[in-house]
């Protein structure tokens, strides 16, 4: 019931003007068990898409001075994975 695949719902949500001037950000949180200790360990995978309709051959990172000087808007995909330190 919860693992229903839906290609429309699972696709990038940036359409129309937002594909040229927008971003989409989503993440998934998980819990795994340490193979040695059996301890539960939370972790995440995060996705960030910025201006996908402006994509070039190489990612454009808008904060770089040369891209700003050229008037280029950022366009890239970032994937990040990590854990939280629970102390």
PDB file of N, CA and C in Angstrom:
ATOM      1  N   UNK A   1       0.811  -1.193   0.000  1.00  0.00           N
ATOM      2  CA  UNK A   1       0.000   0.000   0.000  1.00  0.00           C
ATOM      3  C   UNK A   1       0.859   1.263   0.000  1.00  0.00           C
ATOM      4  N   UNK A   2       1.920   1.303   0.806  1.00  0.00           N
ATOM      5  CA  UNK A   2       2.739   2.511   0.893  1.00  0.00           C
ATOM      6  C   UNK A   2       3.831   2.555  -0.159  1.00  0.00           C
ATOM      7  N   UNK A   3       4.117   1.460  -0.807  1.00  0.00           N
ATOM      8  CA  UNK A   3       5.191   1.402  -1.787  1.00  0.00           C
ATOM      9  C   UNK A   3       4.623   1.393  -3.200  1.00  0.00           C
ATOM     10  N   UNK A   4       3.609   2.194  -3.441  1.00  0.00           N
ATOM     11  CA  UNK A   4       2.960   2.279  -4.742  1.00  0.00           C
ATOM     12  C   UNK A   4       3.762   3.205  -5.654  1.00  0.00           C
ATOM     13  N   UNK A   5       4.259   2.688  -6.780  1.00  0.00           N
ATOM     14  CA  UNK A   5       5.043   3.477  -7.726  1.00  0.00           C
ATOM     15  C   UNK A   5       4.112   4.336  -8.583  1.00  0.00           C
ATOM     16  N   UNK A   6       4.394   5.611  -8.651  1.00  0.00           N
ATOM     17  CA  UNK A   6       3.608   6.547  -9.452  1.00  0.00           C
ATOM     18  C   UNK A   6       4.583   7.458 -10.192  1.00  0.00           C
ATOM     19  N   UNK A   7       4.809   7.223 -11.473  1.00  0.00           N
ATOM     20  CA  UNK A   7       5.816   7.948 -12.249  1.00  0.00           C
ATOM     21  C   UNK A   7       5.553   9.454 -12.262  1.00  0.00           C
ATOM     22  N   UNK A   8       4.314   9.879 -12.278  1.00  0.00           N
ATOM     23  CA  UNK A   8       3.995  11.311 -12.274  1.00  0.00           C
ATOM     24  C   UNK A   8       4.340  11.924 -10.920  1.00  0.00           C
ATOM     25  N   UNK A   9       3.905  11.285  -9.860  1.00  0.00           N
ATOM     26  CA  UNK A   9       4.167  11.797  -8.511  1.00  0.00           C
ATOM     27  C   UNK A   9       5.650  11.739  -8.161  1.00  0.00           C
ATOM     28  N   UNK A  10       6.376  10.774  -8.705  1.00  0.00           N
ATOM     29  CA  UNK A  10       7.788  10.597  -8.390  1.00  0.00           C
ATOM     30  C   UNK A  10       8.715  11.431  -9.275  1.00  0.00           C
ATOM     31  N   UNK A  11       8.181  12.106 -10.283  1.00  0.00           N
ATOM     32  CA  UNK A  11       9.030  12.881 -11.198  1.00  0.00           C
ATOM     33  C   UNK A  11       9.307  14.272 -10.631  1.00  0.00           C
ATOM     34  N   UNK A  12      10.209  14.971 -11.290  1.00  0.00           N
ATOM     35  CA  UNK A  12      10.526  16.345 -10.894  1.00  0.00           C
ATOM     36  C   UNK A  12       9.261  17.203 -11.004  1.00  0.00           C
ATOM     37  N   UNK A  13       9.013  18.004 -10.009  1.00  0.00           N
ATOM     38  CA  UNK A  13       7.790  18.803  -9.966  1.00  0.00           C
ATOM     39  C   UNK A  13       7.950  20.190 -10.598  1.00  0.00           C
ATOM     40  N   UNK A  14       9.135  20.495 -11.109  1.00  0.00           N
ATOM     41  CA  UNK A  14       9.374  21.817 -11.678  1.00  0.00           C
ATOM     42  C   UNK A  14       8.976  21.838 -13.148  1.00  0.00           C
ATOM     43  N   UNK A  15       7.844  22.455 -13.434  1.00  0.00           N
ATOM     44  CA  UNK A  15       7.329  22.576 -14.793  1.00  0.00           C
ATOM     45  C   UNK A  15       7.066  24.043 -15.091  1.00  0.00           C
ATOM     46  N   UNK A  16       6.943  24.384 -16.361  1.00  0.00           N
ATOM     47  CA  UNK A  16       6.626  25.755 -16.751  1.00  0.00           C
ATOM     48  C   UNK A  16       7.662  26.742 -16.247  1.00  0.00           C
ATOM     49  N   UNK A  17       7.230  27.896 -15.735  1.00  0.00           N
ATOM     50  CA  UNK A  17       8.171  28.923 -15.279  1.00  0.00           C
ATOM     51  C   UNK A  17       9.104  28.435 -14.160  1.00  0.00           C
ATOM     52  N   UNK A  18       8.617  27.534 -13.323  1.00  0.00           N
ATOM     53  CA  UNK A  18       9.456  27.053 -12.224  1.00  0.00           C
ATOM     54  C   UNK A  18      10.658  26.243 -12.710  1.00  0.00           C
ATOM     55  N   UNK A  19      10.580  25.663 -13.882  1.00  0.00           N
ATOM     56  CA  UNK A  19      11.716  24.911 -14.422  1.00  0.00           C
ATOM     57  C   UNK A  19      12.859  25.843 -14.823  1.00  0.00           C
ATOM     58  N   UNK A  20      12.547  27.130 -15.040  1.00  0.00           N
ATOM     59  CA  UNK A  20      13.564  28.123 -15.407  1.00  0.00           C
ATOM     60  C   UNK A  20      13.953  28.995 -14.224  1.00  0.00           C
ATOM     61  N   UNK A  21      13.111  29.048 -13.233  1.00  0.00           N
ATOM     62  CA  UNK A  21      13.358  29.958 -12.109  1.00  0.00           C
ATOM     63  C   UNK A  21      12.760  29.343 -10.840  1.00  0.00           C
ATOM     64  N   UNK A  22      13.335  28.225 -10.417  1.00  0.00           N
ATOM     65  CA  UNK A  22      12.813  27.584  -9.219  1.00  0.00           C
ATOM     66  C   UNK A  22      13.691  26.439  -8.767  1.00  0.00           C
ATOM     67  N   UNK A  23      13.326  25.902  -7.628  1.00  0.00           N
ATOM     68  CA  UNK A  23      14.054  24.751  -7.119  1.00  0.00           C
ATOM     69  C   UNK A  23      13.085  23.776  -6.461  1.00  0.00           C
ATOM     70  N   UNK A  24      13.510  22.551  -6.358  1.00  0.00           N
ATOM     71  CA  UNK A  24      12.744  21.507  -5.682  1.00  0.00           C
ATOM     72  C   UNK A  24      13.701  20.830  -4.711  1.00  0.00           C
ATOM     73  N   UNK A  25      13.225  20.571  -3.517  1.00  0.00           N
ATOM     74  CA  UNK A  25      14.080  20.027  -2.467  1.00  0.00           C
ATOM     75  C   UNK A  25      13.268  18.974  -1.732  1.00  0.00           C
ATOM     76  N   UNK A  26      13.813  17.772  -1.620  1.00  0.00           N
ATOM     77  CA  UNK A  26      13.132  16.731  -0.879  1.00  0.00           C
ATOM     78  C   UNK A  26      14.159  15.807  -0.259  1.00  0.00           C
ATOM     79  N   UNK A  27      13.736  15.090   0.758  1.00  0.00           N
ATOM     80  CA  UNK A  27      14.634  14.192   1.463  1.00  0.00           C
ATOM     81  C   UNK A  27      13.875  12.991   1.981  1.00  0.00           C
ATOM     82  N   UNK A  28      14.644  11.974   2.283  1.00  0.00           N
ATOM     83  CA  UNK A  28      14.095  10.747   2.858  1.00  0.00           C
ATOM     84  C   UNK A  28      14.899  10.421   4.103  1.00  0.00           C
ATOM     85  N   UNK A  29      14.223  10.070   5.168  1.00  0.00           N
ATOM     86  CA  UNK A  29      14.872   9.679   6.418  1.00  0.00           C
ATOM     87  C   UNK A  29      14.721   8.179   6.603  1.00  0.00           C
ATOM     88  N   UNK A  30      15.778   7.545   7.068  1.00  0.00           N
ATOM     89  CA  UNK A  30      15.806   6.096   7.255  1.00  0.00           C
ATOM     90  C   UNK A  30      16.406   5.761   8.610  1.00  0.00           C
ATOM     91  N   UNK A  31      16.229   4.530   9.009  1.00  0.00           N
ATOM     92  CA  UNK A  31      16.916   3.993  10.178  1.00  0.00           C
ATOM     93  C   UNK A  31      17.499   2.651   9.777  1.00  0.00           C
ATOM     94  N   UNK A  32      18.764   2.457  10.126  1.00  0.00           N
ATOM     95  CA  UNK A  32      19.450   1.192   9.847  1.00  0.00           C
ATOM     96  C   UNK A  32      20.004   0.657  11.162  1.00  0.00           C
ATOM     97  N   UNK A  33      20.431  -0.579  11.145  1.00  0.00           N
ATOM     98  CA  UNK A  33      21.035  -1.150  12.338  1.00  0.00           C
ATOM     99  C   UNK A  33      22.514  -1.407  12.081  1.00  0.00           C
ATOM    100  N   UNK A  34      23.334  -1.024  13.053  1.00  0.00           N
ATOM    101  CA  UNK A  34      24.766  -1.291  12.996  1.00  0.00           C
ATOM    102  C   UNK A  34      24.970  -2.802  13.006  1.00  0.00           C
ATOM    103  N   UNK A  35      25.722  -3.317  12.031  1.00  0.00           N
ATOM    104  CA  UNK A  35      25.914  -4.768  11.885  1.00  0.00           C
ATOM    105  C   UNK A  35      26.639  -5.378  13.092  1.00  0.00           C
ATOM    106  N   UNK A  36      27.495  -4.595  13.753  1.00  0.00           N
ATOM    107  CA  UNK A  36      28.260  -5.129  14.886  1.00  0.00           C
ATOM    108  C   UNK A  36      27.531  -4.990  16.213  1.00  0.00           C
ATOM    109  N   UNK A  37      26.915  -3.834  16.448  1.00  0.00           N
ATOM    110  CA  UNK A  37      26.300  -3.573  17.759  1.00  0.00           C
ATOM    111  C   UNK A  37      24.790  -3.768  17.791  1.00  0.00           C
ATOM    112  N   UNK A  38      24.146  -3.764  16.619  1.00  0.00           N
ATOM    113  CA  UNK A  38      22.692  -3.862  16.566  1.00  0.00           C
ATOM    114  C   UNK A  38      22.001  -2.548  16.886  1.00  0.00           C
ATOM    115  N   UNK A  39      22.780  -1.495  17.129  1.00  0.00           N
ATOM    116  CA  UNK A  39      22.226  -0.184  17.478  1.00  0.00           C
ATOM    117  C   UNK A  39      21.535   0.446  16.268  1.00  0.00           C
ATOM    118  N   UNK A  40      20.344   1.040  16.503  1.00  0.00           N
ATOM    119  CA  UNK A  40      19.642   1.770  15.445  1.00  0.00           C
ATOM    120  C   UNK A  40      20.379   3.066  15.151  1.00  0.00           C
ATOM    121  N   UNK A  41      20.549   3.362  13.849  1.00  0.00           N
ATOM    122  CA  UNK A  41      21.241   4.584  13.439  1.00  0.00           C
ATOM    123  C   UNK A  41      20.422   5.287  12.358  1.00  0.00           C
ATOM    124  N   UNK A  42      19.962   6.508  12.629  1.00  0.00           N
ATOM    125  CA  UNK A  42      19.207   7.264  11.626  1.00  0.00           C
ATOM    126  C   UNK A  42      20.147   7.882  10.593  1.00  0.00           C
ATOM    127  N   UNK A  43      19.678   7.974   9.338  1.00  0.00           N
ATOM    128  CA  UNK A  43      20.427   8.654   8.286  1.00  0.00           C
ATOM    129  C   UNK A  43      19.446   9.222   7.276  1.00  0.00           C
ATOM    130  N   UNK A  44      19.950  10.060   6.382  1.00  0.00           N
ATOM    131  CA  UNK A  44      19.075  10.709   5.405  1.00  0.00           C
ATOM    132  C   UNK A  44      19.737  10.753   4.038  1.00  0.00           C
ATOM    133  N   UNK A  45      18.912  10.892   3.017  1.00  0.00           N
ATOM    134  CA  UNK A  45      19.354  11.194   1.655  1.00  0.00           C
ATOM    135  C   UNK A  45      18.521  12.397   1.212  1.00  0.00           C
ATOM    136  N   UNK A  46      19.200  13.421   0.737  1.00  0.00           N
ATOM    137  CA  UNK A  46      18.559  14.688   0.368  1.00  0.00           C
ATOM    138  C   UNK A  46      18.823  14.981  -1.110  1.00  0.00           C
ATOM    139  N   UNK A  47      17.823  15.513  -1.802  1.00  0.00           N
ATOM    140  CA  UNK A  47      17.933  15.879  -3.214  1.00  0.00           C
ATOM    141  C   UNK A  47      17.548  17.350  -3.370  1.00  0.00           C
ATOM    142  N   UNK A  48      18.291  18.066  -4.187  1.00  0.00           N
ATOM    143  CA  UNK A  48      18.005  19.476  -4.445  1.00  0.00           C
ATOM    144  C   UNK A  48      18.216  19.726  -5.941  1.00  0.00           C
ATOM    145  N   UNK A  49      17.187  20.181  -6.634  1.00  0.00           N
ATOM    146  CA  UNK A  49      17.254  20.475  -8.069  1.00  0.00           C
ATOM    147  C   UNK A  49      17.022  21.975  -8.246  1.00  0.00           C
ATOM    148  N   UNK A  50      17.899  22.614  -8.998  1.00  0.00           N
ATOM    149  CA  UNK A  50      17.805  24.068  -9.207  1.00  0.00           C
ATOM    150  C   UNK A  50      17.752  24.380 -10.697  1.00  0.00           C
ATOM    151  N   UNK A  51      16.689  25.037 -11.141  1.00  0.00           N
ATOM    152  CA  UNK A  51      16.509  25.495 -12.518  1.00  0.00           C
ATOM    153  C   UNK A  51      16.855  24.432 -13.567  1.00  0.00           C
ATOM    154  N   UNK A  52      16.177  23.299 -13.570  1.00  0.00           N
ATOM    155  CA  UNK A  52      16.553  22.216 -14.489  1.00  0.00           C
ATOM    156  C   UNK A  52      16.422  22.577 -15.971  1.00  0.00           C
ATOM    157  N   UNK A  53      15.536  23.485 -16.336  1.00  0.00           N
ATOM    158  CA  UNK A  53      15.360  23.839 -17.749  1.00  0.00           C
ATOM    159  C   UNK A  53      16.525  24.672 -18.287  1.00  0.00           C
ATOM    160  N   UNK A  54      17.389  25.161 -17.395  1.00  0.00           N
ATOM    161  CA  UNK A  54      18.549  25.947 -17.819  1.00  0.00           C
ATOM    162  C   UNK A  54      19.816  25.103 -17.908  1.00  0.00           C
ATOM    163  N   UNK A  55      19.676  23.795 -17.829  1.00  0.00           N
ATOM    164  CA  UNK A  55      20.835  22.900 -17.789  1.00  0.00           C
ATOM    165  C   UNK A  55      21.741  23.068 -18.999  1.00  0.00           C
ATOM    166  N   UNK A  56      23.032  23.036 -18.720  1.00  0.00           N
ATOM    167  CA  UNK A  56      24.063  23.062 -19.754  1.00  0.00           C
ATOM    168  C   UNK A  56      24.841  21.752 -19.661  1.00  0.00           C
ATOM    169  N   UNK A  57      25.890  21.636 -20.442  1.00  0.00           N
ATOM    170  CA  UNK A  57      26.717  20.432 -20.413  1.00  0.00           C
ATOM    171  C   UNK A  57      27.333  20.213 -19.022  1.00  0.00           C
ATOM    172  N   UNK A  58      27.735  21.304 -18.366  1.00  0.00           N
ATOM    173  CA  UNK A  58      28.308  21.265 -17.021  1.00  0.00           C
ATOM    174  C   UNK A  58      27.372  22.006 -16.063  1.00  0.00           C
ATOM    175  N   UNK A  59      27.347  21.627 -14.790  1.00  0.00           N
ATOM    176  CA  UNK A  59      26.520  22.356 -13.817  1.00  0.00           C
ATOM    177  C   UNK A  59      26.938  23.826 -13.742  1.00  0.00           C
ATOM    178  N   UNK A  60      25.975  24.703 -13.561  1.00  0.00           N
ATOM    179  CA  UNK A  60      26.254  26.131 -13.394  1.00  0.00           C
ATOM    180  C   UNK A  60      25.985  26.475 -11.943  1.00  0.00           C
ATOM    181  N   UNK A  61      27.057  26.794 -11.231  1.00  0.00           N
ATOM    182  CA  UNK A  61      26.937  27.177  -9.827  1.00  0.00           C
ATOM    183  C   UNK A  61      26.888  28.697  -9.765  1.00  0.00           C
ATOM    184  N   UNK A  62      25.717  29.229  -9.478  1.00  0.00           N
ATOM    185  CA  UNK A  62      25.462  30.664  -9.576  1.00  0.00           C
ATOM    186  C   UNK A  62      26.285  31.525  -8.657  1.00  0.00           C
ATOM    187  N   UNK A  63      26.823  30.970  -7.594  1.00  0.00           N
ATOM    188  CA  UNK A  63      27.575  31.782  -6.656  1.00  0.00           C
ATOM    189  C   UNK A  63      29.003  32.065  -7.121  1.00  0.00           C
ATOM    190  N   UNK A  64      29.480  31.385  -8.169  1.00  0.00           N
ATOM    191  CA  UNK A  64      30.834  31.632  -8.660  1.00  0.00           C
ATOM    192  C   UNK A  64      30.900  32.989  -9.353  1.00  0.00           C
ATOM    193  N   UNK A  65      31.924  33.784  -9.051  1.00  0.00           N
ATOM    194  CA  UNK A  65      32.013  35.136  -9.625  1.00  0.00           C
ATOM    195  C   UNK A  65      31.956  35.156 -11.158  1.00  0.00           C
ATOM    196  N   UNK A  66      32.596  34.184 -11.821  1.00  0.00           N
ATOM    197  CA  UNK A  66      32.591  34.181 -13.292  1.00  0.00           C
ATOM    198  C   UNK A  66      31.188  33.913 -13.845  1.00  0.00           C
ATOM    199  N   UNK A  67      30.396  33.114 -13.169  1.00  0.00           N
ATOM    200  CA  UNK A  67      29.018  32.871 -13.619  1.00  0.00           C
ATOM    201  C   UNK A  67      28.140  34.089 -13.375  1.00  0.00           C
ATOM    202  N   UNK A  68      28.323  34.740 -12.252  1.00  0.00           N
ATOM    203  CA  UNK A  68      27.561  35.966 -11.987  1.00  0.00           C
ATOM    204  C   UNK A  68      27.896  37.040 -13.015  1.00  0.00           C
ATOM    205  N   UNK A  69      29.197  37.190 -13.310  1.00  0.00           N
ATOM    206  CA  UNK A  69      29.630  38.202 -14.278  1.00  0.00           C
ATOM    207  C   UNK A  69      29.069  37.912 -15.669  1.00  0.00           C
ATOM    208  N   UNK A  70      28.912  36.634 -16.008  1.00  0.00           N
ATOM    209  CA  UNK A  70      28.368  36.248 -17.318  1.00  0.00           C
ATOM    210  C   UNK A  70      26.841  36.265 -17.324  1.00  0.00           C
ATOM    211  N   UNK A  71      26.219  36.546 -16.192  1.00  0.00           N
ATOM    212  CA  UNK A  71      24.754  36.586 -16.117  1.00  0.00           C
ATOM    213  C   UNK A  71      24.106  35.217 -16.148  1.00  0.00           C
ATOM    214  N   UNK A  72      24.867  34.176 -15.809  1.00  0.00           N
ATOM    215  CA  UNK A  72      24.325  32.819 -15.819  1.00  0.00           C
ATOM    216  C   UNK A  72      23.596  32.526 -14.515  1.00  0.00           C
ATOM    217  N   UNK A  73      22.394  31.981 -14.645  1.00  0.00           N
ATOM    218  CA  UNK A  73      21.644  31.534 -13.475  1.00  0.00           C
ATOM    219  C   UNK A  73      22.096  30.117 -13.119  1.00  0.00           C
ATOM    220  N   UNK A  74      22.043  29.762 -11.851  1.00  0.00           N
ATOM    221  CA  UNK A  74      22.466  28.416 -11.453  1.00  0.00           C
ATOM    222  C   UNK A  74      21.535  27.338 -12.009  1.00  0.00           C
ATOM    223  N   UNK A  75      22.113  26.186 -12.292  1.00  0.00           N
ATOM    224  CA  UNK A  75      21.354  25.017 -12.718  1.00  0.00           C
ATOM    225  C   UNK A  75      22.167  23.781 -12.355  1.00  0.00           C
ATOM    226  N   UNK A  76      21.657  23.016 -11.400  1.00  0.00           N
ATOM    227  CA  UNK A  76      22.386  21.839 -10.941  1.00  0.00           C
ATOM    228  C   UNK A  76      21.482  20.916 -10.134  1.00  0.00           C
ATOM    229  N   UNK A  77      21.980  19.719  -9.893  1.00  0.00           N
ATOM    230  CA  UNK A  77      21.349  18.739  -9.015  1.00  0.00           C
ATOM    231  C   UNK A  77      22.351  18.421  -7.914  1.00  0.00           C
ATOM    232  N   UNK A  78      21.893  18.431  -6.677  1.00  0.00           N
ATOM    233  CA  UNK A  78      22.740  18.070  -5.555  1.00  0.00           C
ATOM    234  C   UNK A  78      22.111  16.876  -4.841  1.00  0.00           C
ATOM    235  N   UNK A  79      22.920  15.894  -4.527  1.00  0.00           N
ATOM    236  CA  UNK A  79      22.480  14.752  -3.728  1.00  0.00           C
ATOM    237  C   UNK A  79      23.387  14.694  -2.512  1.00  0.00           C
ATOM    238  N   UNK A  80      22.785  14.645  -1.336  1.00  0.00           N
ATOM    239  CA  UNK A  80      23.556  14.633  -0.100  1.00  0.00           C
ATOM    240  C   UNK A  80      23.048  13.495   0.776  1.00  0.00           C
ATOM    241  N   UNK A  81      23.965  12.791   1.412  1.00  0.00           N
ATOM    242  CA  UNK A  81      23.592  11.744   2.354  1.00  0.00           C
ATOM    243  C   UNK A  81      24.373  11.961   3.633  1.00  0.00           C
ATOM    244  N   UNK A  82      23.756  11.660   4.766  1.00  0.00           N
ATOM    245  CA  UNK A  82      24.451  11.869   6.018  1.00  0.00           C
ATOM    246  C   UNK A  82      23.705  11.271   7.198  1.00  0.00           C
ATOM    247  N   UNK A  83      24.274  11.531   8.357  1.00  0.00           N
ATOM    248  CA  UNK A  83      23.685  11.068   9.611  1.00  0.00           C
ATOM    249  C   UNK A  83      23.600  12.234  10.579  1.00  0.00           C
ATOM    250  N   UNK A  84      22.848  12.027  11.617  1.00  0.00           N
ATOM    251  CA  UNK A  84      22.773  12.999  12.691  1.00  0.00           C
ATOM    252  C   UNK A  84      23.536  12.416  13.876  1.00  0.00           C
ATOM    253  N   UNK A  85      24.254  13.256  14.572  1.00  0.00           N
ATOM    254  CA  UNK A  85      24.927  12.797  15.786  1.00  0.00           C
ATOM    255  C   UNK A  85      23.944  12.976  16.937  1.00  0.00           C
ATOM    256  N   UNK A  86      23.491  11.882  17.467  1.00  0.00           N
ATOM    257  CA  UNK A  86      22.554  11.927  18.587  1.00  0.00           C
ATOM    258  C   UNK A  86      23.343  11.709  19.858  1.00  0.00           C
ATOM    259  N   UNK A  87      23.480  12.758  20.630  1.00  0.00           N
ATOM    260  CA  UNK A  87      24.359  12.646  21.782  1.00  0.00           C
ATOM    261  C   UNK A  87      23.647  12.732  23.040  1.00  0.00           C
TER     262      UNK A  87
END
